Amino acid sequence: MTAPPRERPGVMDLAGLDGPGAVRAVLARELPEPAARFREFVTVVDTTGARASVEDMVATRHAQALTGLDTVPYPPSAAATLRHIATRAVERTS
């Protein structure tokens, strides 16, 4: 059985509040600092394998884009510029 809201840590009882009063009540509670929330997000993404899946997807799409640029009827300089942009878009910065 789930404890009533007042007995659960970090949960506020907003019964009877509506409109701006409810918004102020929610904003008044303590929220974790953004850096802590980001670290938690990264941990979840890493432990679930989502990061590896997304990186594989990006690598696949990058390869498809470069292959596609080999067959488009663009001038060579335009295709080279698009290849450069595609490669820069998938480079890691951290």
C-alpha atoms as a PDB file:
ATOM      1  CA  MET A   1       0.000   0.000   0.000  1.00  0.00           C
ATOM      2  CA  THR A   2       1.278   3.467  -0.830  1.00  0.00           C
ATOM      3  CA  ALA A   3       1.703   5.936   1.987  1.00  0.00           C
ATOM      4  CA  PRO A   4      -0.403   9.101   1.897  1.00  0.00           C
ATOM      5  CA  PRO A   5       1.382  12.041   0.242  1.00  0.00           C
ATOM      6  CA  ARG A   6       2.296  13.764   3.522  1.00  0.00           C
ATOM      7  CA  GLU A   7       4.171  10.656   4.686  1.00  0.00           C
ATOM      8  CA  ARG A   8       6.229  10.148   1.540  1.00  0.00           C
ATOM      9  CA  PRO A   9       9.549  12.033   1.410  1.00  0.00           C
ATOM     10  CA  GLY A  10       9.639  14.787  -1.188  1.00  0.00           C
ATOM     11  CA  VAL A  11       5.899  14.683  -1.904  1.00  0.00           C
ATOM     12  CA  MET A  12       3.617  17.566  -1.042  1.00  0.00           C
ATOM     13  CA  ASP A  13      -0.089  17.395  -0.345  1.00  0.00           C
ATOM     14  CA  LEU A  14      -1.632  19.807  -2.843  1.00  0.00           C
ATOM     15  CA  ALA A  15      -5.225  18.898  -2.015  1.00  0.00           C
ATOM     16  CA  GLY A  16      -7.452  21.920  -2.306  1.00  0.00           C
ATOM     17  CA  LEU A  17      -4.908  23.970  -4.223  1.00  0.00           C
ATOM     18  CA  ASP A  18      -5.541  25.046  -7.748  1.00  0.00           C
ATOM     19  CA  GLY A  19      -4.323  27.769 -10.059  1.00  0.00           C
ATOM     20  CA  PRO A  20      -1.412  29.979  -8.954  1.00  0.00           C
ATOM     21  CA  GLY A  21      -1.494  28.594  -5.401  1.00  0.00           C
ATOM     22  CA  ALA A  22      -0.632  25.112  -6.633  1.00  0.00           C
ATOM     23  CA  VAL A  23       2.142  26.444  -8.859  1.00  0.00           C
ATOM     24  CA  ARG A  24       3.689  28.383  -5.953  1.00  0.00           C
ATOM     25  CA  ALA A  25       3.471  25.311  -3.713  1.00  0.00           C
ATOM     26  CA  VAL A  26       5.250  23.132  -6.261  1.00  0.00           C
ATOM     27  CA  LEU A  27       7.911  25.762  -6.937  1.00  0.00           C
ATOM     28  CA  ALA A  28       8.481  26.246  -3.200  1.00  0.00           C
ATOM     29  CA  ARG A  29       9.652  22.683  -2.620  1.00  0.00           C
ATOM     30  CA  GLU A  30      13.342  21.924  -2.831  1.00  0.00           C
ATOM     31  CA  LEU A  31      14.506  20.594  -6.166  1.00  0.00           C
ATOM     32  CA  PRO A  32      17.895  18.974  -6.740  1.00  0.00           C
ATOM     33  CA  GLU A  33      20.476  21.227  -8.319  1.00  0.00           C
ATOM     34  CA  PRO A  34      20.623  20.976 -12.122  1.00  0.00           C
ATOM     35  CA  ALA A  35      24.083  19.370 -12.095  1.00  0.00           C
ATOM     36  CA  ALA A  36      22.880  16.593  -9.776  1.00  0.00           C
ATOM     37  CA  ARG A  37      19.825  15.998 -11.950  1.00  0.00           C
ATOM     38  CA  PHE A  38      22.032  15.838 -15.053  1.00  0.00           C
ATOM     39  CA  ARG A  39      24.411  13.330 -13.408  1.00  0.00           C
ATOM     40  CA  GLU A  40      21.427  11.179 -12.479  1.00  0.00           C
ATOM     41  CA  PHE A  41      20.167  11.341 -16.076  1.00  0.00           C
ATOM     42  CA  VAL A  42      23.568  10.334 -17.478  1.00  0.00           C
ATOM     43  CA  THR A  43      23.759   7.431 -15.030  1.00  0.00           C
ATOM     44  CA  VAL A  44      20.356   6.142 -16.126  1.00  0.00           C
ATOM     45  CA  VAL A  45      21.213   6.537 -19.808  1.00  0.00           C
ATOM     46  CA  ASP A  46      24.519   4.687 -19.340  1.00  0.00           C
ATOM     47  CA  THR A  47      23.183   1.847 -17.198  1.00  0.00           C
ATOM     48  CA  THR A  48      20.225   1.131 -19.484  1.00  0.00           C
ATOM     49  CA  GLY A  49      22.398   0.958 -22.590  1.00  0.00           C
ATOM     50  CA  ALA A  50      20.558   3.856 -24.185  1.00  0.00           C
ATOM     51  CA  ARG A  51      23.764   5.785 -24.809  1.00  0.00           C
ATOM     52  CA  ALA A  52      25.325   2.926 -26.782  1.00  0.00           C
ATOM     53  CA  SER A  53      22.129   2.453 -28.778  1.00  0.00           C
ATOM     54  CA  VAL A  54      21.947   6.140 -29.685  1.00  0.00           C
ATOM     55  CA  GLU A  55      25.636   6.261 -30.610  1.00  0.00           C
ATOM     56  CA  ASP A  56      25.176   3.209 -32.865  1.00  0.00           C
ATOM     57  CA  MET A  57      22.165   4.851 -34.493  1.00  0.00           C
ATOM     58  CA  VAL A  58      24.092   8.090 -35.090  1.00  0.00           C
ATOM     59  CA  ALA A  59      27.023   6.185 -36.624  1.00  0.00           C
ATOM     60  CA  THR A  60      24.664   4.270 -38.910  1.00  0.00           C
ATOM     61  CA  ARG A  61      22.860   7.419 -40.068  1.00  0.00           C
ATOM     62  CA  HIS A  62      26.181   9.209 -40.585  1.00  0.00           C
ATOM     63  CA  ALA A  63      27.415   6.379 -42.811  1.00  0.00           C
ATOM     64  CA  GLN A  64      24.129   6.440 -44.742  1.00  0.00           C
ATOM     65  CA  ALA A  65      24.414  10.197 -45.236  1.00  0.00           C
ATOM     66  CA  LEU A  66      27.967   9.927 -46.555  1.00  0.00           C
ATOM     67  CA  THR A  67      26.963   7.095 -48.897  1.00  0.00           C
ATOM     68  CA  GLY A  68      24.036   9.162 -50.127  1.00  0.00           C
ATOM     69  CA  LEU A  69      26.308  12.101 -50.852  1.00  0.00           C
ATOM     70  CA  ASP A  70      28.330   9.863 -53.178  1.00  0.00           C
ATOM     71  CA  THR A  71      25.286   9.492 -55.442  1.00  0.00           C
ATOM     72  CA  VAL A  72      23.646  12.937 -55.407  1.00  0.00           C
ATOM     73  CA  PRO A  73      23.816  15.173 -58.485  1.00  0.00           C
ATOM     74  CA  TYR A  74      25.437  18.050 -56.574  1.00  0.00           C
ATOM     75  CA  PRO A  75      28.613  19.778 -57.657  1.00  0.00           C
ATOM     76  CA  PRO A  76      31.643  18.153 -55.996  1.00  0.00           C
ATOM     77  CA  SER A  77      32.306  21.227 -53.859  1.00  0.00           C
ATOM     78  CA  ALA A  78      28.743  21.190 -52.477  1.00  0.00           C
ATOM     79  CA  ALA A  79      28.933  17.466 -51.713  1.00  0.00           C
ATOM     80  CA  ALA A  80      32.291  17.993 -49.989  1.00  0.00           C
ATOM     81  CA  THR A  81      30.816  20.762 -47.858  1.00  0.00           C
ATOM     82  CA  LEU A  82      27.853  18.580 -46.896  1.00  0.00           C
ATOM     83  CA  ARG A  83      30.216  15.682 -46.042  1.00  0.00           C
ATOM     84  CA  HIS A  84      32.196  18.031 -43.819  1.00  0.00           C
ATOM     85  CA  ILE A  85      29.025  19.260 -42.067  1.00  0.00           C
ATOM     86  CA  ALA A  86      27.763  15.698 -41.574  1.00  0.00           C
ATOM     87  CA  THR A  87      31.066  14.629 -40.049  1.00  0.00           C
ATOM     88  CA  ARG A  88      31.304  17.656 -37.774  1.00  0.00           C
ATOM     89  CA  ALA A  89      27.729  17.094 -36.603  1.00  0.00           C
ATOM     90  CA  VAL A  90      28.585  13.662 -35.191  1.00  0.00           C
ATOM     91  CA  GLU A  91      31.949  14.524 -33.595  1.00  0.00           C
ATOM     92  CA  ARG A  92      32.057  14.289 -29.803  1.00  0.00           C
ATOM     93  CA  THR A  93      32.969  17.414 -27.911  1.00  0.00           C
ATOM     94  CA  SER A  94      33.188  15.825 -24.470  1.00  0.00           C
END
